[in-house]
Structures are given as C-alpha cells and as structure tokens.
Amino acid sequence: MNSDHFCSQKPFVLIALFFIVINVDTAQADSSAELTMAQLTEWLDAYGEAWESRDPDKAAGLFAENSSYQVTPYEEAHMGQAGVHQYWAGVTANQTNIKFEYRPLSITDNMGIAHWSAQFDVPGDIHLELNGIFVLEFDEDGKCTKLREWWHLKTHDAEGETN
C-alpha cells in the first residue's frame, strides 16, 4: 500500500501510534494491570451513556479518586471524582439530543486510545459537533486515572449554516 494513501485515509491511526510511542514508558510505570479491548469498549460505552443521559454521578464513577481529566492541552485538568463531577454537571447542563460514538484505536499496558465524536444541541437553536481523540490510562480496578483529549468543534446555527 502506498504510504500517501495510508496517511490520507488513516489520520487517527497515525495519531494513535504517535501517542503509543511517546507514552509506553509512563503507561508501564503507572500500573501493572493489562487493559483489554473489551475493557476499553465497556468503559467507553459507560462514558457515552453518562454523556447521553447528562449524568455527572455516572461520569464521575468512571474515574479513580485521584484521577485527572484534561479537556484540552492548555486547560488545567479537573482533579479527582469531585472535579469530574463538577465539570460534567456544568458542561452538560444545557445539552440536548446528545449522540456519542467512538472507535477504539489501540491499547497497550494500562492505556487505551480512541477516536470519538459527539453531536448535541444547545440553547439558541445551535447544533454542535465534536470530533476528537482520547488517551486514557486505567488502574487495576478499571477506573480511569488519566483522561487527555484533543478535539475540534463544528457549529451549525438555526439556518443550518456552519460557523
């Protein structure tokens, strides 16, 4: 297969491979638990259910007590279950018609990488689409200890125009 074709068709796979390469040592140091694709999928299903139901309790329950949740590389991380709960209670409060989808890309040791997307409406007849990547680290109990995400936003106003 021609590498130009691969790069144009599989950008998320390349991003995932990059994060695996730069994070393998830290993933091994954090935990002795081996993450499986089934465990990652189960966690992402629960995350999606929490988001679609706008349930900050359920969302916080997916994280370890000492976890960090970093929404963007330049924002302070939300720390611990209380920080996740507070963030989710605020950010999802006005979202409706939420749809969350994901595709696991890779696992290694205690780390999983997934491509995700979400769509929802907010007041003012605005429809938002998010498309991003999760890098997730887990403890022995299957709780997320570290969530880092990178995403892009697309907005549509009431007339269907993209902003």
N, C-alpha and C. Protein backbone atom coordinates (compact mmCIF):
# COMPACT_ATOMS: atom_id res chain seq x y z
N MET A 1 0.84 -1.18 0.00
CA MET A 1 0.00 0.00 0.00
C MET A 1 0.88 1.24 0.00
N ASN A 2 0.57 2.18 -0.78
CA ASN A 2 1.28 3.45 -0.90
C ASN A 2 1.10 4.24 0.40
N SER A 3 2.19 4.78 0.95
CA SER A 3 2.13 5.47 2.25
C SER A 3 1.33 6.75 2.18
N ASP A 4 1.29 7.45 1.04
CA ASP A 4 0.46 8.65 0.92
C ASP A 4 -1.01 8.30 1.06
N HIS A 5 -1.42 7.19 0.46
CA HIS A 5 -2.80 6.76 0.57
C HIS A 5 -3.13 6.42 2.02
N PHE A 6 -2.25 5.70 2.69
CA PHE A 6 -2.47 5.34 4.09
C PHE A 6 -2.62 6.58 4.94
N CYS A 7 -1.74 7.55 4.78
CA CYS A 7 -1.78 8.77 5.59
C CYS A 7 -3.05 9.55 5.35
N SER A 8 -3.53 9.63 4.11
CA SER A 8 -4.74 10.41 3.84
C SER A 8 -5.99 9.69 4.33
N GLN A 9 -5.97 8.38 4.41
CA GLN A 9 -7.14 7.62 4.81
C GLN A 9 -7.17 7.29 6.30
N LYS A 10 -6.06 7.33 6.98
CA LYS A 10 -6.00 6.85 8.36
C LYS A 10 -5.32 7.84 9.31
N PRO A 11 -5.74 9.11 9.34
CA PRO A 11 -5.03 10.06 10.21
C PRO A 11 -5.14 9.72 11.69
N PHE A 12 -6.27 9.18 12.10
CA PHE A 12 -6.42 8.88 13.53
C PHE A 12 -5.56 7.71 13.96
N VAL A 13 -5.33 6.76 13.07
CA VAL A 13 -4.44 5.65 13.39
C VAL A 13 -3.02 6.17 13.60
N LEU A 14 -2.59 7.09 12.75
CA LEU A 14 -1.25 7.66 12.90
C LEU A 14 -1.12 8.44 14.20
N ILE A 15 -2.16 9.19 14.56
CA ILE A 15 -2.15 9.92 15.82
C ILE A 15 -2.05 8.94 16.98
N ALA A 16 -2.84 7.88 16.92
CA ALA A 16 -2.81 6.88 17.99
C ALA A 16 -1.43 6.24 18.11
N LEU A 17 -0.83 5.88 17.00
CA LEU A 17 0.51 5.29 17.05
C LEU A 17 1.52 6.25 17.65
N PHE A 18 1.40 7.53 17.33
CA PHE A 18 2.29 8.54 17.90
C PHE A 18 2.17 8.55 19.42
N PHE A 19 0.93 8.57 19.94
CA PHE A 19 0.74 8.62 21.38
C PHE A 19 1.21 7.34 22.07
N ILE A 20 1.06 6.22 21.40
CA ILE A 20 1.56 4.97 21.98
C ILE A 20 3.07 5.04 22.14
N VAL A 21 3.75 5.48 21.10
CA VAL A 21 5.21 5.55 21.14
C VAL A 21 5.69 6.47 22.24
N ILE A 22 5.08 7.65 22.41
CA ILE A 22 5.58 8.60 23.40
C ILE A 22 5.12 8.28 24.81
N ASN A 23 4.13 7.38 24.96
CA ASN A 23 3.57 7.13 26.29
C ASN A 23 3.83 5.74 26.84
N VAL A 24 4.46 4.86 26.12
CA VAL A 24 4.63 3.48 26.58
C VAL A 24 5.34 3.43 27.93
N ASP A 25 6.41 4.16 28.12
CA ASP A 25 7.14 4.11 29.39
C ASP A 25 6.30 4.58 30.55
N THR A 26 5.53 5.66 30.40
CA THR A 26 4.71 6.15 31.51
C THR A 26 3.56 5.19 31.78
N ALA A 27 3.01 4.57 30.75
CA ALA A 27 1.92 3.62 30.97
C ALA A 27 2.42 2.43 31.78
N GLN A 28 3.62 1.95 31.50
CA GLN A 28 4.14 0.82 32.24
C GLN A 28 4.43 1.19 33.69
N ALA A 29 4.81 2.41 33.92
CA ALA A 29 5.16 2.83 35.28
C ALA A 29 3.92 3.03 36.14
N ASP A 30 2.78 3.37 35.53
CA ASP A 30 1.60 3.72 36.30
C ASP A 30 0.88 2.51 36.91
N SER A 31 0.92 1.37 36.27
CA SER A 31 0.10 0.26 36.74
C SER A 31 0.61 -1.05 36.16
N SER A 32 0.34 -2.12 36.89
CA SER A 32 0.70 -3.43 36.38
C SER A 32 -0.48 -4.09 35.67
N ALA A 33 -1.65 -3.44 35.68
CA ALA A 33 -2.84 -4.00 35.04
C ALA A 33 -2.71 -3.97 33.53
N GLU A 34 -3.17 -5.02 32.89
CA GLU A 34 -3.18 -5.08 31.43
C GLU A 34 -4.60 -4.77 30.96
N LEU A 35 -4.77 -3.71 30.23
CA LEU A 35 -6.06 -3.32 29.69
C LEU A 35 -6.38 -4.19 28.48
N THR A 36 -7.63 -4.61 28.36
CA THR A 36 -8.07 -5.36 27.19
C THR A 36 -8.96 -4.47 26.33
N MET A 37 -9.13 -4.82 25.08
CA MET A 37 -10.01 -4.07 24.20
C MET A 37 -11.45 -4.13 24.72
N ALA A 38 -11.85 -5.26 25.28
CA ALA A 38 -13.20 -5.38 25.84
C ALA A 38 -13.40 -4.41 27.01
N GLN A 39 -12.39 -4.27 27.87
CA GLN A 39 -12.49 -3.34 28.99
C GLN A 39 -12.56 -1.89 28.50
N LEU A 40 -11.76 -1.56 27.51
CA LEU A 40 -11.80 -0.21 26.95
C LEU A 40 -13.17 0.07 26.35
N THR A 41 -13.70 -0.87 25.59
CA THR A 41 -15.02 -0.72 24.97
C THR A 41 -16.10 -0.56 26.03
N GLU A 42 -16.04 -1.36 27.08
CA GLU A 42 -17.02 -1.27 28.17
C GLU A 42 -16.96 0.11 28.83
N TRP A 43 -15.76 0.61 29.07
CA TRP A 43 -15.60 1.93 29.69
C TRP A 43 -16.15 3.02 28.77
N LEU A 44 -15.83 2.95 27.47
CA LEU A 44 -16.32 3.95 26.52
C LEU A 44 -17.84 3.89 26.37
N ASP A 45 -18.42 2.69 26.42
CA ASP A 45 -19.88 2.58 26.42
C ASP A 45 -20.48 3.31 27.62
N ALA A 46 -19.90 3.09 28.79
CA ALA A 46 -20.40 3.73 30.02
C ALA A 46 -20.21 5.25 29.95
N TYR A 47 -19.09 5.70 29.40
CA TYR A 47 -18.83 7.13 29.23
C TYR A 47 -19.91 7.74 28.33
N GLY A 48 -20.19 7.07 27.21
CA GLY A 48 -21.22 7.55 26.29
C GLY A 48 -22.59 7.60 26.95
N GLU A 49 -22.92 6.56 27.73
CA GLU A 49 -24.20 6.55 28.45
C GLU A 49 -24.27 7.71 29.44
N ALA A 50 -23.19 7.96 30.14
CA ALA A 50 -23.16 9.07 31.10
C ALA A 50 -23.38 10.40 30.37
N TRP A 51 -22.73 10.57 29.23
CA TRP A 51 -22.87 11.82 28.49
C TRP A 51 -24.28 11.96 27.93
N GLU A 52 -24.77 10.91 27.27
CA GLU A 52 -26.09 10.99 26.65
C GLU A 52 -27.20 11.19 27.67
N SER A 53 -27.00 10.72 28.89
CA SER A 53 -28.01 10.92 29.94
C SER A 53 -27.69 12.14 30.82
N ARG A 54 -26.59 12.82 30.52
CA ARG A 54 -26.15 14.01 31.27
C ARG A 54 -26.09 13.70 32.76
N ASP A 55 -25.40 12.62 33.09
CA ASP A 55 -25.35 12.13 34.46
C ASP A 55 -23.95 12.31 35.05
N PRO A 56 -23.73 13.40 35.80
CA PRO A 56 -22.39 13.64 36.36
C PRO A 56 -21.98 12.59 37.40
N ASP A 57 -22.95 11.99 38.09
CA ASP A 57 -22.62 10.93 39.06
C ASP A 57 -22.03 9.72 38.34
N LYS A 58 -22.70 9.33 37.25
CA LYS A 58 -22.23 8.18 36.47
C LYS A 58 -20.86 8.48 35.85
N ALA A 59 -20.69 9.69 35.35
CA ALA A 59 -19.41 10.08 34.74
C ALA A 59 -18.30 10.03 35.80
N ALA A 60 -18.52 10.63 36.94
CA ALA A 60 -17.50 10.67 38.00
C ALA A 60 -17.16 9.26 38.46
N GLY A 61 -18.13 8.36 38.47
CA GLY A 61 -17.91 6.99 38.90
C GLY A 61 -16.99 6.19 37.99
N LEU A 62 -16.74 6.69 36.79
CA LEU A 62 -15.84 6.02 35.85
C LEU A 62 -14.37 6.33 36.14
N PHE A 63 -14.14 7.28 37.06
CA PHE A 63 -12.79 7.77 37.33
C PHE A 63 -12.33 7.38 38.73
N ALA A 64 -11.03 7.19 38.86
CA ALA A 64 -10.42 6.92 40.16
C ALA A 64 -10.46 8.19 41.01
N GLU A 65 -10.39 8.01 42.31
CA GLU A 65 -10.43 9.15 43.23
C GLU A 65 -9.31 10.15 42.94
N ASN A 66 -8.16 9.68 42.53
CA ASN A 66 -7.01 10.56 42.29
C ASN A 66 -6.80 10.85 40.80
N SER A 67 -7.85 10.82 40.02
CA SER A 67 -7.75 10.96 38.56
C SER A 67 -7.54 12.40 38.12
N SER A 68 -7.13 12.52 36.85
CA SER A 68 -7.09 13.84 36.20
C SER A 68 -7.82 13.73 34.88
N TYR A 69 -8.57 14.79 34.55
CA TYR A 69 -9.39 14.84 33.35
C TYR A 69 -9.03 16.14 32.64
N GLN A 70 -8.26 16.03 31.57
CA GLN A 70 -7.78 17.21 30.87
C GLN A 70 -8.51 17.37 29.55
N VAL A 71 -9.37 18.38 29.49
CA VAL A 71 -10.25 18.61 28.35
C VAL A 71 -9.47 19.07 27.12
N THR A 72 -8.51 19.93 27.30
CA THR A 72 -7.64 20.37 26.22
C THR A 72 -6.23 20.51 26.78
N PRO A 73 -5.23 20.47 25.93
CA PRO A 73 -3.85 20.54 26.43
C PRO A 73 -3.52 21.82 27.19
N TYR A 74 -4.29 22.89 26.95
CA TYR A 74 -3.95 24.17 27.55
C TYR A 74 -4.83 24.54 28.74
N GLU A 75 -5.74 23.66 29.13
CA GLU A 75 -6.58 23.90 30.30
C GLU A 75 -6.05 23.11 31.48
N GLU A 76 -6.29 23.63 32.68
CA GLU A 76 -5.99 22.88 33.90
C GLU A 76 -6.84 21.62 33.91
N ALA A 77 -6.28 20.54 34.36
CA ALA A 77 -7.03 19.29 34.47
C ALA A 77 -8.03 19.39 35.63
N HIS A 78 -9.15 18.72 35.47
CA HIS A 78 -10.12 18.56 36.56
C HIS A 78 -9.62 17.39 37.39
N MET A 79 -9.49 17.59 38.69
CA MET A 79 -8.82 16.59 39.52
C MET A 79 -9.83 15.80 40.37
N GLY A 80 -9.66 14.49 40.37
CA GLY A 80 -10.45 13.58 41.20
C GLY A 80 -11.89 13.45 40.73
N GLN A 81 -12.61 12.54 41.39
CA GLN A 81 -14.01 12.33 41.05
C GLN A 81 -14.83 13.60 41.25
N ALA A 82 -14.52 14.36 42.29
CA ALA A 82 -15.25 15.60 42.55
C ALA A 82 -15.05 16.60 41.42
N GLY A 83 -13.83 16.70 40.91
CA GLY A 83 -13.55 17.60 39.80
C GLY A 83 -14.27 17.19 38.53
N VAL A 84 -14.30 15.88 38.26
CA VAL A 84 -15.01 15.36 37.09
C VAL A 84 -16.50 15.66 37.24
N HIS A 85 -17.04 15.41 38.42
CA HIS A 85 -18.47 15.65 38.67
C HIS A 85 -18.81 17.12 38.45
N GLN A 86 -18.04 18.00 39.01
CA GLN A 86 -18.30 19.43 38.87
C GLN A 86 -18.23 19.86 37.39
N TYR A 87 -17.23 19.39 36.68
CA TYR A 87 -17.09 19.71 35.27
C TYR A 87 -18.30 19.22 34.48
N TRP A 88 -18.66 17.95 34.66
CA TRP A 88 -19.77 17.37 33.90
C TRP A 88 -21.10 18.01 34.24
N ALA A 89 -21.32 18.35 35.51
CA ALA A 89 -22.58 18.98 35.91
C ALA A 89 -22.77 20.31 35.18
N GLY A 90 -21.67 21.02 34.97
CA GLY A 90 -21.76 22.30 34.27
C GLY A 90 -21.81 22.17 32.76
N VAL A 91 -20.90 21.40 32.20
CA VAL A 91 -20.75 21.36 30.75
C VAL A 91 -21.92 20.67 30.04
N THR A 92 -22.57 19.72 30.67
CA THR A 92 -23.67 19.00 30.01
C THR A 92 -25.05 19.57 30.35
N ALA A 93 -25.12 20.52 31.26
CA ALA A 93 -26.40 21.01 31.78
C ALA A 93 -27.37 21.47 30.69
N ASN A 94 -26.88 22.14 29.66
CA ASN A 94 -27.76 22.69 28.62
C ASN A 94 -27.71 21.91 27.31
N GLN A 95 -27.08 20.75 27.32
CA GLN A 95 -27.01 19.94 26.10
C GLN A 95 -28.25 19.07 25.98
N THR A 96 -28.78 18.95 24.75
CA THR A 96 -29.92 18.06 24.48
C THR A 96 -29.63 17.27 23.21
N ASN A 97 -30.40 16.22 23.00
CA ASN A 97 -30.26 15.39 21.79
C ASN A 97 -28.82 14.93 21.59
N ILE A 98 -28.22 14.44 22.64
CA ILE A 98 -26.81 14.06 22.62
C ILE A 98 -26.64 12.69 21.97
N LYS A 99 -25.64 12.61 21.10
CA LYS A 99 -25.27 11.34 20.48
C LYS A 99 -23.75 11.22 20.56
N PHE A 100 -23.28 10.15 21.19
CA PHE A 100 -21.84 9.91 21.35
C PHE A 100 -21.48 8.62 20.63
N GLU A 101 -20.39 8.66 19.87
CA GLU A 101 -19.88 7.47 19.19
C GLU A 101 -18.38 7.40 19.39
N TYR A 102 -17.83 6.22 19.25
CA TYR A 102 -16.39 6.06 19.41
C TYR A 102 -15.90 4.88 18.60
N ARG A 103 -14.59 4.84 18.44
CA ARG A 103 -13.91 3.70 17.83
C ARG A 103 -12.58 3.52 18.55
N PRO A 104 -12.42 2.41 19.28
CA PRO A 104 -11.12 2.16 19.91
C PRO A 104 -10.04 2.04 18.83
N LEU A 105 -8.89 2.63 19.09
CA LEU A 105 -7.80 2.57 18.12
C LEU A 105 -6.68 1.65 18.57
N SER A 106 -6.37 1.68 19.89
CA SER A 106 -5.23 0.90 20.34
C SER A 106 -5.27 0.76 21.86
N ILE A 107 -4.63 -0.30 22.33
CA ILE A 107 -4.38 -0.46 23.76
C ILE A 107 -2.94 -0.91 23.95
N THR A 108 -2.38 -0.54 25.07
CA THR A 108 -1.07 -1.01 25.46
C THR A 108 -0.98 -0.90 26.97
N ASP A 109 -0.58 -1.96 27.61
CA ASP A 109 -0.48 -1.99 29.07
C ASP A 109 -1.78 -1.48 29.69
N ASN A 110 -1.73 -0.32 30.36
CA ASN A 110 -2.93 0.21 31.02
C ASN A 110 -3.51 1.41 30.28
N MET A 111 -3.13 1.61 29.01
CA MET A 111 -3.56 2.78 28.26
C MET A 111 -4.39 2.38 27.06
N GLY A 112 -5.45 3.17 26.81
CA GLY A 112 -6.27 2.99 25.62
C GLY A 112 -6.38 4.30 24.86
N ILE A 113 -6.48 4.18 23.55
CA ILE A 113 -6.64 5.35 22.69
C ILE A 113 -7.87 5.12 21.83
N ALA A 114 -8.71 6.15 21.73
CA ALA A 114 -9.94 6.02 20.96
C ALA A 114 -10.24 7.31 20.21
N HIS A 115 -10.82 7.15 19.03
CA HIS A 115 -11.39 8.27 18.28
C HIS A 115 -12.84 8.37 18.72
N TRP A 116 -13.32 9.57 18.98
CA TRP A 116 -14.70 9.75 19.41
C TRP A 116 -15.33 10.94 18.69
N SER A 117 -16.65 10.95 18.67
CA SER A 117 -17.39 12.09 18.15
C SER A 117 -18.67 12.23 18.95
N ALA A 118 -19.16 13.44 19.02
CA ALA A 118 -20.41 13.72 19.71
C ALA A 118 -21.15 14.82 18.97
N GLN A 119 -22.46 14.75 19.03
CA GLN A 119 -23.33 15.79 18.48
C GLN A 119 -24.38 16.10 19.52
N PHE A 120 -24.73 17.38 19.63
CA PHE A 120 -25.80 17.77 20.56
C PHE A 120 -26.25 19.18 20.23
N ASP A 121 -27.39 19.53 20.81
CA ASP A 121 -27.94 20.87 20.65
C ASP A 121 -27.76 21.64 21.94
N VAL A 122 -27.64 22.95 21.81
CA VAL A 122 -27.57 23.86 22.96
C VAL A 122 -28.57 24.98 22.72
N PRO A 123 -28.95 25.71 23.77
CA PRO A 123 -29.92 26.80 23.60
C PRO A 123 -29.50 27.76 22.50
N GLY A 124 -30.52 28.31 21.83
CA GLY A 124 -30.28 29.23 20.73
C GLY A 124 -30.33 28.52 19.39
N ASP A 125 -30.93 27.33 19.35
CA ASP A 125 -31.02 26.55 18.12
C ASP A 125 -29.66 26.33 17.47
N ILE A 126 -28.69 25.98 18.30
CA ILE A 126 -27.34 25.72 17.82
C ILE A 126 -27.04 24.23 17.96
N HIS A 127 -26.55 23.66 16.90
CA HIS A 127 -26.16 22.24 16.88
C HIS A 127 -24.63 22.19 16.85
N LEU A 128 -24.05 21.42 17.76
CA LEU A 128 -22.60 21.30 17.85
C LEU A 128 -22.17 19.89 17.49
N GLU A 129 -21.02 19.81 16.83
CA GLU A 129 -20.38 18.53 16.54
C GLU A 129 -18.96 18.60 17.07
N LEU A 130 -18.56 17.59 17.82
CA LEU A 130 -17.19 17.47 18.31
C LEU A 130 -16.58 16.21 17.71
N ASN A 131 -15.29 16.27 17.43
CA ASN A 131 -14.59 15.12 16.87
C ASN A 131 -13.21 15.11 17.50
N GLY A 132 -12.85 14.01 18.18
CA GLY A 132 -11.59 14.04 18.89
C GLY A 132 -10.94 12.69 19.16
N ILE A 133 -9.90 12.78 19.96
CA ILE A 133 -9.10 11.62 20.37
C ILE A 133 -9.01 11.61 21.89
N PHE A 134 -9.21 10.45 22.49
CA PHE A 134 -8.95 10.23 23.91
C PHE A 134 -7.65 9.45 24.06
N VAL A 135 -6.86 9.82 25.04
CA VAL A 135 -5.78 8.98 25.56
C VAL A 135 -6.13 8.73 27.01
N LEU A 136 -6.38 7.47 27.36
CA LEU A 136 -6.92 7.09 28.66
C LEU A 136 -5.98 6.14 29.37
N GLU A 137 -5.78 6.36 30.66
CA GLU A 137 -5.00 5.43 31.48
C GLU A 137 -5.89 4.91 32.59
N PHE A 138 -5.71 3.63 32.94
CA PHE A 138 -6.59 2.96 33.88
C PHE A 138 -5.82 2.32 35.02
N ASP A 139 -6.50 2.17 36.16
CA ASP A 139 -5.91 1.45 37.29
C ASP A 139 -6.36 -0.02 37.25
N GLU A 140 -5.95 -0.78 38.26
CA GLU A 140 -6.26 -2.22 38.33
C GLU A 140 -7.75 -2.49 38.44
N ASP A 141 -8.53 -1.50 38.91
CA ASP A 141 -9.98 -1.66 39.09
C ASP A 141 -10.78 -1.24 37.86
N GLY A 142 -10.10 -0.84 36.80
CA GLY A 142 -10.79 -0.41 35.60
C GLY A 142 -11.26 1.03 35.62
N LYS A 143 -10.85 1.77 36.64
CA LYS A 143 -11.20 3.20 36.73
C LYS A 143 -10.17 4.00 35.95
N CYS A 144 -10.62 5.06 35.31
CA CYS A 144 -9.71 5.92 34.56
C CYS A 144 -8.92 6.79 35.54
N THR A 145 -7.62 6.77 35.42
CA THR A 145 -6.76 7.59 36.27
C THR A 145 -6.33 8.86 35.55
N LYS A 146 -6.37 8.82 34.22
CA LYS A 146 -5.93 9.99 33.46
C LYS A 146 -6.65 10.00 32.13
N LEU A 147 -7.37 11.09 31.86
CA LEU A 147 -8.01 11.29 30.57
C LEU A 147 -7.43 12.56 29.97
N ARG A 148 -6.90 12.42 28.77
CA ARG A 148 -6.46 13.57 27.98
C ARG A 148 -7.20 13.50 26.66
N GLU A 149 -7.70 14.65 26.20
CA GLU A 149 -8.42 14.66 24.95
C GLU A 149 -8.03 15.86 24.10
N TRP A 150 -8.14 15.65 22.80
CA TRP A 150 -7.91 16.67 21.80
C TRP A 150 -9.11 16.61 20.89
N TRP A 151 -9.76 17.75 20.64
CA TRP A 151 -10.96 17.73 19.82
C TRP A 151 -11.13 19.03 19.03
N HIS A 152 -11.97 18.91 18.00
CA HIS A 152 -12.34 20.05 17.16
C HIS A 152 -13.84 20.22 17.25
N LEU A 153 -14.29 21.46 17.05
CA LEU A 153 -15.70 21.82 17.18
C LEU A 153 -16.22 22.39 15.87
N LYS A 154 -17.42 21.95 15.51
CA LYS A 154 -18.12 22.50 14.35
C LYS A 154 -19.50 22.90 14.83
N THR A 155 -19.94 24.12 14.51
CA THR A 155 -21.26 24.58 14.95
C THR A 155 -22.16 24.84 13.75
N HIS A 156 -23.45 24.61 13.95
CA HIS A 156 -24.47 24.90 12.94
C HIS A 156 -25.53 25.76 13.63
N ASP A 157 -25.88 26.88 13.01
CA ASP A 157 -26.93 27.72 13.60
C ASP A 157 -28.30 27.24 13.14
N ALA A 158 -29.36 27.96 13.53
CA ALA A 158 -30.73 27.56 13.24
C ALA A 158 -31.02 27.42 11.76
N GLU A 159 -30.31 28.18 10.94
CA GLU A 159 -30.48 28.10 9.49
C GLU A 159 -29.64 26.99 8.86
N GLY A 160 -28.90 26.27 9.68
CA GLY A 160 -28.07 25.18 9.18
C GLY A 160 -26.72 25.61 8.67
N GLU A 161 -26.39 26.88 8.88
CA GLU A 161 -25.11 27.38 8.41
C GLU A 161 -24.02 27.03 9.41
N THR A 162 -22.85 26.65 8.86
CA THR A 162 -21.72 26.26 9.69
C THR A 162 -20.92 27.49 10.07
N ASN A 163 -20.57 27.54 11.34
CA ASN A 163 -19.75 28.63 11.87
C ASN A 163 -18.37 28.12 12.21
